Each structure stands twice: as structure tokens, then as C-alpha cells.
């Protein structure tokens, strides 16, 4: 809805966690 914003969006290949993730 209007008024929502996103301050980051990134792809993490999982080098540290072992699990690749999409984060927003």
C-alpha cells in the first residue's frame, strides 16, 4: 500500500551462513 517504503534490498550468496537468501 501507499506509504510503505524499502530501505534496502539485497542478495546474500550465503558465504557466512551457508544458505543463500534474498533480504528486504
PDBML (XML) file of the C-alpha atoms, coordinates in Angstrom:
<?xml version="1.0" encoding="UTF-8" ?>
<PDBx:datablock datablockName="MODEL"
   xmlns:PDBx="http://pdbml.pdb.org/schema/pdbx-v50.xsd"
   xmlns:xsi="http://www.w3.org/2001/XMLSchema-instance"
   xsi:schemaLocation="http://pdbml.pdb.org/schema/pdbx-v50.xsd pdbx-v50.xsd">
   <PDBx:atom_siteCategory>
      <PDBx:atom_site id="1">
         <PDBx:B_iso_or_equiv>0.00</PDBx:B_iso_or_equiv>
         <PDBx:Cartn_x>0.000</PDBx:Cartn_x>
         <PDBx:Cartn_y>0.000</PDBx:Cartn_y>
         <PDBx:Cartn_z>0.000</PDBx:Cartn_z>
         <PDBx:auth_asym_id>A</PDBx:auth_asym_id>
         <PDBx:auth_atom_id>CA</PDBx:auth_atom_id>
         <PDBx:auth_comp_id>UNK</PDBx:auth_comp_id>
         <PDBx:auth_seq_id>1</PDBx:auth_seq_id>
         <PDBx:group_PDB>ATOM</PDBx:group_PDB>
         <PDBx:label_alt_id xsi:nil="true" />
         <PDBx:label_asym_id>A</PDBx:label_asym_id>
         <PDBx:label_atom_id>CA</PDBx:label_atom_id>
         <PDBx:label_comp_id>UNK</PDBx:label_comp_id>
         <PDBx:label_entity_id>1</PDBx:label_entity_id>
         <PDBx:label_seq_id>1</PDBx:label_seq_id>
         <PDBx:occupancy>1.00</PDBx:occupancy>
         <PDBx:pdbx_PDB_model_num>1</PDBx:pdbx_PDB_model_num>
         <PDBx:type_symbol>C</PDBx:type_symbol>
      </PDBx:atom_site>
      <PDBx:atom_site id="2">
         <PDBx:B_iso_or_equiv>0.00</PDBx:B_iso_or_equiv>
         <PDBx:Cartn_x>0.915</PDBx:Cartn_x>
         <PDBx:Cartn_y>3.667</PDBx:Cartn_y>
         <PDBx:Cartn_z>-0.330</PDBx:Cartn_z>
         <PDBx:auth_asym_id>A</PDBx:auth_asym_id>
         <PDBx:auth_atom_id>CA</PDBx:auth_atom_id>
         <PDBx:auth_comp_id>UNK</PDBx:auth_comp_id>
         <PDBx:auth_seq_id>2</PDBx:auth_seq_id>
         <PDBx:group_PDB>ATOM</PDBx:group_PDB>
         <PDBx:label_alt_id xsi:nil="true" />
         <PDBx:label_asym_id>A</PDBx:label_asym_id>
         <PDBx:label_atom_id>CA</PDBx:label_atom_id>
         <PDBx:label_comp_id>UNK</PDBx:label_comp_id>
         <PDBx:label_entity_id>1</PDBx:label_entity_id>
         <PDBx:label_seq_id>2</PDBx:label_seq_id>
         <PDBx:occupancy>1.00</PDBx:occupancy>
         <PDBx:pdbx_PDB_model_num>1</PDBx:pdbx_PDB_model_num>
         <PDBx:type_symbol>C</PDBx:type_symbol>
      </PDBx:atom_site>
      <PDBx:atom_site id="3">
         <PDBx:B_iso_or_equiv>0.00</PDBx:B_iso_or_equiv>
         <PDBx:Cartn_x>3.240</PDBx:Cartn_x>
         <PDBx:Cartn_y>4.900</PDBx:Cartn_y>
         <PDBx:Cartn_z>2.389</PDBx:Cartn_z>
         <PDBx:auth_asym_id>A</PDBx:auth_asym_id>
         <PDBx:auth_atom_id>CA</PDBx:auth_atom_id>
         <PDBx:auth_comp_id>UNK</PDBx:auth_comp_id>
         <PDBx:auth_seq_id>3</PDBx:auth_seq_id>
         <PDBx:group_PDB>ATOM</PDBx:group_PDB>
         <PDBx:label_alt_id xsi:nil="true" />
         <PDBx:label_asym_id>A</PDBx:label_asym_id>
         <PDBx:label_atom_id>CA</PDBx:label_atom_id>
         <PDBx:label_comp_id>UNK</PDBx:label_comp_id>
         <PDBx:label_entity_id>1</PDBx:label_entity_id>
         <PDBx:label_seq_id>3</PDBx:label_seq_id>
         <PDBx:occupancy>1.00</PDBx:occupancy>
         <PDBx:pdbx_PDB_model_num>1</PDBx:pdbx_PDB_model_num>
         <PDBx:type_symbol>C</PDBx:type_symbol>
      </PDBx:atom_site>
      <PDBx:atom_site id="4">
         <PDBx:B_iso_or_equiv>0.00</PDBx:B_iso_or_equiv>
         <PDBx:Cartn_x>5.326</PDBx:Cartn_x>
         <PDBx:Cartn_y>1.723</PDBx:Cartn_y>
         <PDBx:Cartn_z>2.585</PDBx:Cartn_z>
         <PDBx:auth_asym_id>A</PDBx:auth_asym_id>
         <PDBx:auth_atom_id>CA</PDBx:auth_atom_id>
         <PDBx:auth_comp_id>UNK</PDBx:auth_comp_id>
         <PDBx:auth_seq_id>4</PDBx:auth_seq_id>
         <PDBx:group_PDB>ATOM</PDBx:group_PDB>
         <PDBx:label_alt_id xsi:nil="true" />
         <PDBx:label_asym_id>A</PDBx:label_asym_id>
         <PDBx:label_atom_id>CA</PDBx:label_atom_id>
         <PDBx:label_comp_id>UNK</PDBx:label_comp_id>
         <PDBx:label_entity_id>1</PDBx:label_entity_id>
         <PDBx:label_seq_id>4</PDBx:label_seq_id>
         <PDBx:occupancy>1.00</PDBx:occupancy>
         <PDBx:pdbx_PDB_model_num>1</PDBx:pdbx_PDB_model_num>
         <PDBx:type_symbol>C</PDBx:type_symbol>
      </PDBx:atom_site>
      <PDBx:atom_site id="5">
         <PDBx:B_iso_or_equiv>0.00</PDBx:B_iso_or_equiv>
         <PDBx:Cartn_x>8.981</PDBx:Cartn_x>
         <PDBx:Cartn_y>2.110</PDBx:Cartn_y>
         <PDBx:Cartn_z>1.598</PDBx:Cartn_z>
         <PDBx:auth_asym_id>A</PDBx:auth_asym_id>
         <PDBx:auth_atom_id>CA</PDBx:auth_atom_id>
         <PDBx:auth_comp_id>UNK</PDBx:auth_comp_id>
         <PDBx:auth_seq_id>5</PDBx:auth_seq_id>
         <PDBx:group_PDB>ATOM</PDBx:group_PDB>
         <PDBx:label_alt_id xsi:nil="true" />
         <PDBx:label_asym_id>A</PDBx:label_asym_id>
         <PDBx:label_atom_id>CA</PDBx:label_atom_id>
         <PDBx:label_comp_id>UNK</PDBx:label_comp_id>
         <PDBx:label_entity_id>1</PDBx:label_entity_id>
         <PDBx:label_seq_id>5</PDBx:label_seq_id>
         <PDBx:occupancy>1.00</PDBx:occupancy>
         <PDBx:pdbx_PDB_model_num>1</PDBx:pdbx_PDB_model_num>
         <PDBx:type_symbol>C</PDBx:type_symbol>
      </PDBx:atom_site>
      <PDBx:atom_site id="6">
         <PDBx:B_iso_or_equiv>0.00</PDBx:B_iso_or_equiv>
         <PDBx:Cartn_x>12.033</PDBx:Cartn_x>
         <PDBx:Cartn_y>-0.100</PDBx:Cartn_y>
         <PDBx:Cartn_z>1.453</PDBx:Cartn_z>
         <PDBx:auth_asym_id>A</PDBx:auth_asym_id>
         <PDBx:auth_atom_id>CA</PDBx:auth_atom_id>
         <PDBx:auth_comp_id>UNK</PDBx:auth_comp_id>
         <PDBx:auth_seq_id>6</PDBx:auth_seq_id>
         <PDBx:group_PDB>ATOM</PDBx:group_PDB>
         <PDBx:label_alt_id xsi:nil="true" />
         <PDBx:label_asym_id>A</PDBx:label_asym_id>
         <PDBx:label_atom_id>CA</PDBx:label_atom_id>
         <PDBx:label_comp_id>UNK</PDBx:label_comp_id>
         <PDBx:label_entity_id>1</PDBx:label_entity_id>
         <PDBx:label_seq_id>6</PDBx:label_seq_id>
         <PDBx:occupancy>1.00</PDBx:occupancy>
         <PDBx:pdbx_PDB_model_num>1</PDBx:pdbx_PDB_model_num>
         <PDBx:type_symbol>C</PDBx:type_symbol>
      </PDBx:atom_site>
      <PDBx:atom_site id="7">
         <PDBx:B_iso_or_equiv>0.00</PDBx:B_iso_or_equiv>
         <PDBx:Cartn_x>15.383</PDBx:Cartn_x>
         <PDBx:Cartn_y>0.997</PDBx:Cartn_y>
         <PDBx:Cartn_z>2.827</PDBx:Cartn_z>
         <PDBx:auth_asym_id>A</PDBx:auth_asym_id>
         <PDBx:auth_atom_id>CA</PDBx:auth_atom_id>
         <PDBx:auth_comp_id>UNK</PDBx:auth_comp_id>
         <PDBx:auth_seq_id>7</PDBx:auth_seq_id>
         <PDBx:group_PDB>ATOM</PDBx:group_PDB>
         <PDBx:label_alt_id xsi:nil="true" />
         <PDBx:label_asym_id>A</PDBx:label_asym_id>
         <PDBx:label_atom_id>CA</PDBx:label_atom_id>
         <PDBx:label_comp_id>UNK</PDBx:label_comp_id>
         <PDBx:label_entity_id>1</PDBx:label_entity_id>
         <PDBx:label_seq_id>7</PDBx:label_seq_id>
         <PDBx:occupancy>1.00</PDBx:occupancy>
         <PDBx:pdbx_PDB_model_num>1</PDBx:pdbx_PDB_model_num>
         <PDBx:type_symbol>C</PDBx:type_symbol>
      </PDBx:atom_site>
      <PDBx:atom_site id="8">
         <PDBx:B_iso_or_equiv>0.00</PDBx:B_iso_or_equiv>
         <PDBx:Cartn_x>17.381</PDBx:Cartn_x>
         <PDBx:Cartn_y>-1.944</PDBx:Cartn_y>
         <PDBx:Cartn_z>1.451</PDBx:Cartn_z>
         <PDBx:auth_asym_id>A</PDBx:auth_asym_id>
         <PDBx:auth_atom_id>CA</PDBx:auth_atom_id>
         <PDBx:auth_comp_id>UNK</PDBx:auth_comp_id>
         <PDBx:auth_seq_id>8</PDBx:auth_seq_id>
         <PDBx:group_PDB>ATOM</PDBx:group_PDB>
         <PDBx:label_alt_id xsi:nil="true" />
         <PDBx:label_asym_id>A</PDBx:label_asym_id>
         <PDBx:label_atom_id>CA</PDBx:label_atom_id>
         <PDBx:label_comp_id>UNK</PDBx:label_comp_id>
         <PDBx:label_entity_id>1</PDBx:label_entity_id>
         <PDBx:label_seq_id>8</PDBx:label_seq_id>
         <PDBx:occupancy>1.00</PDBx:occupancy>
         <PDBx:pdbx_PDB_model_num>1</PDBx:pdbx_PDB_model_num>
         <PDBx:type_symbol>C</PDBx:type_symbol>
      </PDBx:atom_site>
      <PDBx:atom_site id="9">
         <PDBx:B_iso_or_equiv>0.00</PDBx:B_iso_or_equiv>
         <PDBx:Cartn_x>17.103</PDBx:Cartn_x>
         <PDBx:Cartn_y>-4.987</PDBx:Cartn_y>
         <PDBx:Cartn_z>-0.788</PDBx:Cartn_z>
         <PDBx:auth_asym_id>A</PDBx:auth_asym_id>
         <PDBx:auth_atom_id>CA</PDBx:auth_atom_id>
         <PDBx:auth_comp_id>UNK</PDBx:auth_comp_id>
         <PDBx:auth_seq_id>9</PDBx:auth_seq_id>
         <PDBx:group_PDB>ATOM</PDBx:group_PDB>
         <PDBx:label_alt_id xsi:nil="true" />
         <PDBx:label_asym_id>A</PDBx:label_asym_id>
         <PDBx:label_atom_id>CA</PDBx:label_atom_id>
         <PDBx:label_comp_id>UNK</PDBx:label_comp_id>
         <PDBx:label_entity_id>1</PDBx:label_entity_id>
         <PDBx:label_seq_id>9</PDBx:label_seq_id>
         <PDBx:occupancy>1.00</PDBx:occupancy>
         <PDBx:pdbx_PDB_model_num>1</PDBx:pdbx_PDB_model_num>
         <PDBx:type_symbol>C</PDBx:type_symbol>
      </PDBx:atom_site>
      <PDBx:atom_site id="10">
         <PDBx:B_iso_or_equiv>0.00</PDBx:B_iso_or_equiv>
         <PDBx:Cartn_x>19.997</PDBx:Cartn_x>
         <PDBx:Cartn_y>-7.385</PDBx:Cartn_y>
         <PDBx:Cartn_z>-1.338</PDBx:Cartn_z>
         <PDBx:auth_asym_id>A</PDBx:auth_asym_id>
         <PDBx:auth_atom_id>CA</PDBx:auth_atom_id>
         <PDBx:auth_comp_id>UNK</PDBx:auth_comp_id>
         <PDBx:auth_seq_id>10</PDBx:auth_seq_id>
         <PDBx:group_PDB>ATOM</PDBx:group_PDB>
         <PDBx:label_alt_id xsi:nil="true" />
         <PDBx:label_asym_id>A</PDBx:label_asym_id>
         <PDBx:label_atom_id>CA</PDBx:label_atom_id>
         <PDBx:label_comp_id>UNK</PDBx:label_comp_id>
         <PDBx:label_entity_id>1</PDBx:label_entity_id>
         <PDBx:label_seq_id>10</PDBx:label_seq_id>
         <PDBx:occupancy>1.00</PDBx:occupancy>
         <PDBx:pdbx_PDB_model_num>1</PDBx:pdbx_PDB_model_num>
         <PDBx:type_symbol>C</PDBx:type_symbol>
      </PDBx:atom_site>
      <PDBx:atom_site id="11">
         <PDBx:B_iso_or_equiv>0.00</PDBx:B_iso_or_equiv>
         <PDBx:Cartn_x>21.027</PDBx:Cartn_x>
         <PDBx:Cartn_y>-10.847</PDBx:Cartn_y>
         <PDBx:Cartn_z>-2.423</PDBx:Cartn_z>
         <PDBx:auth_asym_id>A</PDBx:auth_asym_id>
         <PDBx:auth_atom_id>CA</PDBx:auth_atom_id>
         <PDBx:auth_comp_id>UNK</PDBx:auth_comp_id>
         <PDBx:auth_seq_id>11</PDBx:auth_seq_id>
         <PDBx:group_PDB>ATOM</PDBx:group_PDB>
         <PDBx:label_alt_id xsi:nil="true" />
         <PDBx:label_asym_id>A</PDBx:label_asym_id>
         <PDBx:label_atom_id>CA</PDBx:label_atom_id>
         <PDBx:label_comp_id>UNK</PDBx:label_comp_id>
         <PDBx:label_entity_id>1</PDBx:label_entity_id>
         <PDBx:label_seq_id>11</PDBx:label_seq_id>
         <PDBx:occupancy>1.00</PDBx:occupancy>
         <PDBx:pdbx_PDB_model_num>1</PDBx:pdbx_PDB_model_num>
         <PDBx:type_symbol>C</PDBx:type_symbol>
      </PDBx:atom_site>
      <PDBx:atom_site id="12">
         <PDBx:B_iso_or_equiv>0.00</PDBx:B_iso_or_equiv>
         <PDBx:Cartn_x>23.279</PDBx:Cartn_x>
         <PDBx:Cartn_y>-12.671</PDBx:Cartn_y>
         <PDBx:Cartn_z>0.062</PDBx:Cartn_z>
         <PDBx:auth_asym_id>A</PDBx:auth_asym_id>
         <PDBx:auth_atom_id>CA</PDBx:auth_atom_id>
         <PDBx:auth_comp_id>UNK</PDBx:auth_comp_id>
         <PDBx:auth_seq_id>12</PDBx:auth_seq_id>
         <PDBx:group_PDB>ATOM</PDBx:group_PDB>
         <PDBx:label_alt_id xsi:nil="true" />
         <PDBx:label_asym_id>A</PDBx:label_asym_id>
         <PDBx:label_atom_id>CA</PDBx:label_atom_id>
         <PDBx:label_comp_id>UNK</PDBx:label_comp_id>
         <PDBx:label_entity_id>1</PDBx:label_entity_id>
         <PDBx:label_seq_id>12</PDBx:label_seq_id>
         <PDBx:occupancy>1.00</PDBx:occupancy>
         <PDBx:pdbx_PDB_model_num>1</PDBx:pdbx_PDB_model_num>
         <PDBx:type_symbol>C</PDBx:type_symbol>
      </PDBx:atom_site>
      <PDBx:atom_site id="13">
         <PDBx:B_iso_or_equiv>0.00</PDBx:B_iso_or_equiv>
         <PDBx:Cartn_x>25.064</PDBx:Cartn_x>
         <PDBx:Cartn_y>-15.617</PDBx:Cartn_y>
         <PDBx:Cartn_z>-1.527</PDBx:Cartn_z>
         <PDBx:auth_asym_id>A</PDBx:auth_asym_id>
         <PDBx:auth_atom_id>CA</PDBx:auth_atom_id>
         <PDBx:auth_comp_id>UNK</PDBx:auth_comp_id>
         <PDBx:auth_seq_id>13</PDBx:auth_seq_id>
         <PDBx:group_PDB>ATOM</PDBx:group_PDB>
         <PDBx:label_alt_id xsi:nil="true" />
         <PDBx:label_asym_id>A</PDBx:label_asym_id>
         <PDBx:label_atom_id>CA</PDBx:label_atom_id>
         <PDBx:label_comp_id>UNK</PDBx:label_comp_id>
         <PDBx:label_entity_id>1</PDBx:label_entity_id>
         <PDBx:label_seq_id>13</PDBx:label_seq_id>
         <PDBx:occupancy>1.00</PDBx:occupancy>
         <PDBx:pdbx_PDB_model_num>1</PDBx:pdbx_PDB_model_num>
         <PDBx:type_symbol>C</PDBx:type_symbol>
      </PDBx:atom_site>
      <PDBx:atom_site id="14">
         <PDBx:B_iso_or_equiv>0.00</PDBx:B_iso_or_equiv>
         <PDBx:Cartn_x>25.317</PDBx:Cartn_x>
         <PDBx:Cartn_y>-17.378</PDBx:Cartn_y>
         <PDBx:Cartn_z>1.842</PDBx:Cartn_z>
         <PDBx:auth_asym_id>A</PDBx:auth_asym_id>
         <PDBx:auth_atom_id>CA</PDBx:auth_atom_id>
         <PDBx:auth_comp_id>UNK</PDBx:auth_comp_id>
         <PDBx:auth_seq_id>14</PDBx:auth_seq_id>
         <PDBx:group_PDB>ATOM</PDBx:group_PDB>
         <PDBx:label_alt_id xsi:nil="true" />
         <PDBx:label_asym_id>A</PDBx:label_asym_id>
         <PDBx:label_atom_id>CA</PDBx:label_atom_id>
         <PDBx:label_comp_id>UNK</PDBx:label_comp_id>
         <PDBx:label_entity_id>1</PDBx:label_entity_id>
         <PDBx:label_seq_id>14</PDBx:label_seq_id>
         <PDBx:occupancy>1.00</PDBx:occupancy>
         <PDBx:pdbx_PDB_model_num>1</PDBx:pdbx_PDB_model_num>
         <PDBx:type_symbol>C</PDBx:type_symbol>
      </PDBx:atom_site>
      <PDBx:atom_site id="15">
         <PDBx:B_iso_or_equiv>0.00</PDBx:B_iso_or_equiv>
         <PDBx:Cartn_x>29.093</PDBx:Cartn_x>
         <PDBx:Cartn_y>-17.307</PDBx:Cartn_y>
         <PDBx:Cartn_z>2.208</PDBx:Cartn_z>
         <PDBx:auth_asym_id>A</PDBx:auth_asym_id>
         <PDBx:auth_atom_id>CA</PDBx:auth_atom_id>
         <PDBx:auth_comp_id>UNK</PDBx:auth_comp_id>
         <PDBx:auth_seq_id>15</PDBx:auth_seq_id>
         <PDBx:group_PDB>ATOM</PDBx:group_PDB>
         <PDBx:label_alt_id xsi:nil="true" />
         <PDBx:label_asym_id>A</PDBx:label_asym_id>
         <PDBx:label_atom_id>CA</PDBx:label_atom_id>
         <PDBx:label_comp_id>UNK</PDBx:label_comp_id>
         <PDBx:label_entity_id>1</PDBx:label_entity_id>
         <PDBx:label_seq_id>15</PDBx:label_seq_id>
         <PDBx:occupancy>1.00</PDBx:occupancy>
         <PDBx:pdbx_PDB_model_num>1</PDBx:pdbx_PDB_model_num>
         <PDBx:type_symbol>C</PDBx:type_symbol>
      </PDBx:atom_site>
      <PDBx:atom_site id="16">
         <PDBx:B_iso_or_equiv>0.00</PDBx:B_iso_or_equiv>
         <PDBx:Cartn_x>28.799</PDBx:Cartn_x>
         <PDBx:Cartn_y>-16.933</PDBx:Cartn_y>
         <PDBx:Cartn_z>6.004</PDBx:Cartn_z>
         <PDBx:auth_asym_id>A</PDBx:auth_asym_id>
         <PDBx:auth_atom_id>CA</PDBx:auth_atom_id>
         <PDBx:auth_comp_id>UNK</PDBx:auth_comp_id>
         <PDBx:auth_seq_id>16</PDBx:auth_seq_id>
         <PDBx:group_PDB>ATOM</PDBx:group_PDB>
         <PDBx:label_alt_id xsi:nil="true" />
         <PDBx:label_asym_id>A</PDBx:label_asym_id>
         <PDBx:label_atom_id>CA</PDBx:label_atom_id>
         <PDBx:label_comp_id>UNK</PDBx:label_comp_id>
         <PDBx:label_entity_id>1</PDBx:label_entity_id>
         <PDBx:label_seq_id>16</PDBx:label_seq_id>
         <PDBx:occupancy>1.00</PDBx:occupancy>
         <PDBx:pdbx_PDB_model_num>1</PDBx:pdbx_PDB_model_num>
         <PDBx:type_symbol>C</PDBx:type_symbol>
      </PDBx:atom_site>
      <PDBx:atom_site id="17">
         <PDBx:B_iso_or_equiv>0.00</PDBx:B_iso_or_equiv>
         <PDBx:Cartn_x>25.573</PDBx:Cartn_x>
         <PDBx:Cartn_y>-18.804</PDBx:Cartn_y>
         <PDBx:Cartn_z>6.749</PDBx:Cartn_z>
         <PDBx:auth_asym_id>A</PDBx:auth_asym_id>
         <PDBx:auth_atom_id>CA</PDBx:auth_atom_id>
         <PDBx:auth_comp_id>UNK</PDBx:auth_comp_id>
         <PDBx:auth_seq_id>17</PDBx:auth_seq_id>
         <PDBx:group_PDB>ATOM</PDBx:group_PDB>
         <PDBx:label_alt_id xsi:nil="true" />
         <PDBx:label_asym_id>A</PDBx:label_asym_id>
         <PDBx:label_atom_id>CA</PDBx:label_atom_id>
         <PDBx:label_comp_id>UNK</PDBx:label_comp_id>
         <PDBx:label_entity_id>1</PDBx:label_entity_id>
         <PDBx:label_seq_id>17</PDBx:label_seq_id>
         <PDBx:occupancy>1.00</PDBx:occupancy>
         <PDBx:pdbx_PDB_model_num>1</PDBx:pdbx_PDB_model_num>
         <PDBx:type_symbol>C</PDBx:type_symbol>
      </PDBx:atom_site>
      <PDBx:atom_site id="18">
         <PDBx:B_iso_or_equiv>0.00</PDBx:B_iso_or_equiv>
         <PDBx:Cartn_x>25.750</PDBx:Cartn_x>
         <PDBx:Cartn_y>-21.484</PDBx:Cartn_y>
         <PDBx:Cartn_z>4.069</PDBx:Cartn_z>
         <PDBx:auth_asym_id>A</PDBx:auth_asym_id>
         <PDBx:auth_atom_id>CA</PDBx:auth_atom_id>
         <PDBx:auth_comp_id>UNK</PDBx:auth_comp_id>
         <PDBx:auth_seq_id>18</PDBx:auth_seq_id>
         <PDBx:group_PDB>ATOM</PDBx:group_PDB>
         <PDBx:label_alt_id xsi:nil="true" />
         <PDBx:label_asym_id>A</PDBx:label_asym_id>
         <PDBx:label_atom_id>CA</PDBx:label_atom_id>
         <PDBx:label_comp_id>UNK</PDBx:label_comp_id>
         <PDBx:label_entity_id>1</PDBx:label_entity_id>
         <PDBx:label_seq_id>18</PDBx:label_seq_id>
         <PDBx:occupancy>1.00</PDBx:occupancy>
         <PDBx:pdbx_PDB_model_num>1</PDBx:pdbx_PDB_model_num>
         <PDBx:type_symbol>C</PDBx:type_symbol>
      </PDBx:atom_site>
      <PDBx:atom_site id="19">
         <PDBx:B_iso_or_equiv>0.00</PDBx:B_iso_or_equiv>
         <PDBx:Cartn_x>22.229</PDBx:Cartn_x>
         <PDBx:Cartn_y>-20.532</PDBx:Cartn_y>
         <PDBx:Cartn_z>2.977</PDBx:Cartn_z>
         <PDBx:auth_asym_id>A</PDBx:auth_asym_id>
         <PDBx:auth_atom_id>CA</PDBx:auth_atom_id>
         <PDBx:auth_comp_id>UNK</PDBx:auth_comp_id>
         <PDBx:auth_seq_id>19</PDBx:auth_seq_id>
         <PDBx:group_PDB>ATOM</PDBx:group_PDB>
         <PDBx:label_alt_id xsi:nil="true" />
         <PDBx:label_asym_id>A</PDBx:label_asym_id>
         <PDBx:label_atom_id>CA</PDBx:label_atom_id>
         <PDBx:label_comp_id>UNK</PDBx:label_comp_id>
         <PDBx:label_entity_id>1</PDBx:label_entity_id>
         <PDBx:label_seq_id>19</PDBx:label_seq_id>
         <PDBx:occupancy>1.00</PDBx:occupancy>
         <PDBx:pdbx_PDB_model_num>1</PDBx:pdbx_PDB_model_num>
         <PDBx:type_symbol>C</PDBx:type_symbol>
      </PDBx:atom_site>
      <PDBx:atom_site id="20">
         <PDBx:B_iso_or_equiv>0.00</PDBx:B_iso_or_equiv>
         <PDBx:Cartn_x>21.777</PDBx:Cartn_x>
         <PDBx:Cartn_y>-18.033</PDBx:Cartn_y>
         <PDBx:Cartn_z>0.116</PDBx:Cartn_z>
         <PDBx:auth_asym_id>A</PDBx:auth_asym_id>
         <PDBx:auth_atom_id>CA</PDBx:auth_atom_id>
         <PDBx:auth_comp_id>UNK</PDBx:auth_comp_id>
         <PDBx:auth_seq_id>20</PDBx:auth_seq_id>
         <PDBx:group_PDB>ATOM</PDBx:group_PDB>
         <PDBx:label_alt_id xsi:nil="true" />
         <PDBx:label_asym_id>A</PDBx:label_asym_id>
         <PDBx:label_atom_id>CA</PDBx:label_atom_id>
         <PDBx:label_comp_id>UNK</PDBx:label_comp_id>
         <PDBx:label_entity_id>1</PDBx:label_entity_id>
         <PDBx:label_seq_id>20</PDBx:label_seq_id>
         <PDBx:occupancy>1.00</PDBx:occupancy>
         <PDBx:pdbx_PDB_model_num>1</PDBx:pdbx_PDB_model_num>
         <PDBx:type_symbol>C</PDBx:type_symbol>
      </PDBx:atom_site>
      <PDBx:atom_site id="21">
         <PDBx:B_iso_or_equiv>0.00</PDBx:B_iso_or_equiv>
         <PDBx:Cartn_x>18.979</PDBx:Cartn_x>
         <PDBx:Cartn_y>-15.573</PDBx:Cartn_y>
         <PDBx:Cartn_z>0.875</PDBx:Cartn_z>
         <PDBx:auth_asym_id>A</PDBx:auth_asym_id>
         <PDBx:auth_atom_id>CA</PDBx:auth_atom_id>
         <PDBx:auth_comp_id>UNK</PDBx:auth_comp_id>
         <PDBx:auth_seq_id>21</PDBx:auth_seq_id>
         <PDBx:group_PDB>ATOM</PDBx:group_PDB>
         <PDBx:label_alt_id xsi:nil="true" />
         <PDBx:label_asym_id>A</PDBx:label_asym_id>
         <PDBx:label_atom_id>CA</PDBx:label_atom_id>
         <PDBx:label_comp_id>UNK</PDBx:label_comp_id>
         <PDBx:label_entity_id>1</PDBx:label_entity_id>
         <PDBx:label_seq_id>21</PDBx:label_seq_id>
         <PDBx:occupancy>1.00</PDBx:occupancy>
         <PDBx:pdbx_PDB_model_num>1</PDBx:pdbx_PDB_model_num>
         <PDBx:type_symbol>C</PDBx:type_symbol>
      </PDBx:atom_site>
      <PDBx:atom_site id="22">
         <PDBx:B_iso_or_equiv>0.00</PDBx:B_iso_or_equiv>
         <PDBx:Cartn_x>17.060</PDBx:Cartn_x>
         <PDBx:Cartn_y>-12.603</PDBx:Cartn_y>
         <PDBx:Cartn_z>-0.503</PDBx:Cartn_z>
         <PDBx:auth_asym_id>A</PDBx:auth_asym_id>
         <PDBx:auth_atom_id>CA</PDBx:auth_atom_id>
         <PDBx:auth_comp_id>UNK</PDBx:auth_comp_id>
         <PDBx:auth_seq_id>22</PDBx:auth_seq_id>
         <PDBx:group_PDB>ATOM</PDBx:group_PDB>
         <PDBx:label_alt_id xsi:nil="true" />
         <PDBx:label_asym_id>A</PDBx:label_asym_id>
         <PDBx:label_atom_id>CA</PDBx:label_atom_id>
         <PDBx:label_comp_id>UNK</PDBx:label_comp_id>
         <PDBx:label_entity_id>1</PDBx:label_entity_id>
         <PDBx:label_seq_id>22</PDBx:label_seq_id>
         <PDBx:occupancy>1.00</PDBx:occupancy>
         <PDBx:pdbx_PDB_model_num>1</PDBx:pdbx_PDB_model_num>
         <PDBx:type_symbol>C</PDBx:type_symbol>
      </PDBx:atom_site>
      <PDBx:atom_site id="23">
         <PDBx:B_iso_or_equiv>0.00</PDBx:B_iso_or_equiv>
         <PDBx:Cartn_x>16.524</PDBx:Cartn_x>
         <PDBx:Cartn_y>-9.861</PDBx:Cartn_y>
         <PDBx:Cartn_z>2.079</PDBx:Cartn_z>
         <PDBx:auth_asym_id>A</PDBx:auth_asym_id>
         <PDBx:auth_atom_id>CA</PDBx:auth_atom_id>
         <PDBx:auth_comp_id>UNK</PDBx:auth_comp_id>
         <PDBx:auth_seq_id>23</PDBx:auth_seq_id>
         <PDBx:group_PDB>ATOM</PDBx:group_PDB>
         <PDBx:label_alt_id xsi:nil="true" />
         <PDBx:label_asym_id>A</PDBx:label_asym_id>
         <PDBx:label_atom_id>CA</PDBx:label_atom_id>
         <PDBx:label_comp_id>UNK</PDBx:label_comp_id>
         <PDBx:label_entity_id>1</PDBx:label_entity_id>
         <PDBx:label_seq_id>23</PDBx:label_seq_id>
         <PDBx:occupancy>1.00</PDBx:occupancy>
         <PDBx:pdbx_PDB_model_num>1</PDBx:pdbx_PDB_model_num>
         <PDBx:type_symbol>C</PDBx:type_symbol>
      </PDBx:atom_site>
      <PDBx:atom_site id="24">
         <PDBx:B_iso_or_equiv>0.00</PDBx:B_iso_or_equiv>
         <PDBx:Cartn_x>14.405</PDBx:Cartn_x>
         <PDBx:Cartn_y>-6.716</PDBx:Cartn_y>
         <PDBx:Cartn_z>2.026</PDBx:Cartn_z>
         <PDBx:auth_asym_id>A</PDBx:auth_asym_id>
         <PDBx:auth_atom_id>CA</PDBx:auth_atom_id>
         <PDBx:auth_comp_id>UNK</PDBx:auth_comp_id>
         <PDBx:auth_seq_id>24</PDBx:auth_seq_id>
         <PDBx:group_PDB>ATOM</PDBx:group_PDB>
         <PDBx:label_alt_id xsi:nil="true" />
         <PDBx:label_asym_id>A</PDBx:label_asym_id>
         <PDBx:label_atom_id>CA</PDBx:label_atom_id>
         <PDBx:label_comp_id>UNK</PDBx:label_comp_id>
         <PDBx:label_entity_id>1</PDBx:label_entity_id>
         <PDBx:label_seq_id>24</PDBx:label_seq_id>
         <PDBx:occupancy>1.00</PDBx:occupancy>
         <PDBx:pdbx_PDB_model_num>1</PDBx:pdbx_PDB_model_num>
         <PDBx:type_symbol>C</PDBx:type_symbol>
      </PDBx:atom_site>
   </PDBx:atom_siteCategory>
</PDBx:datablock>
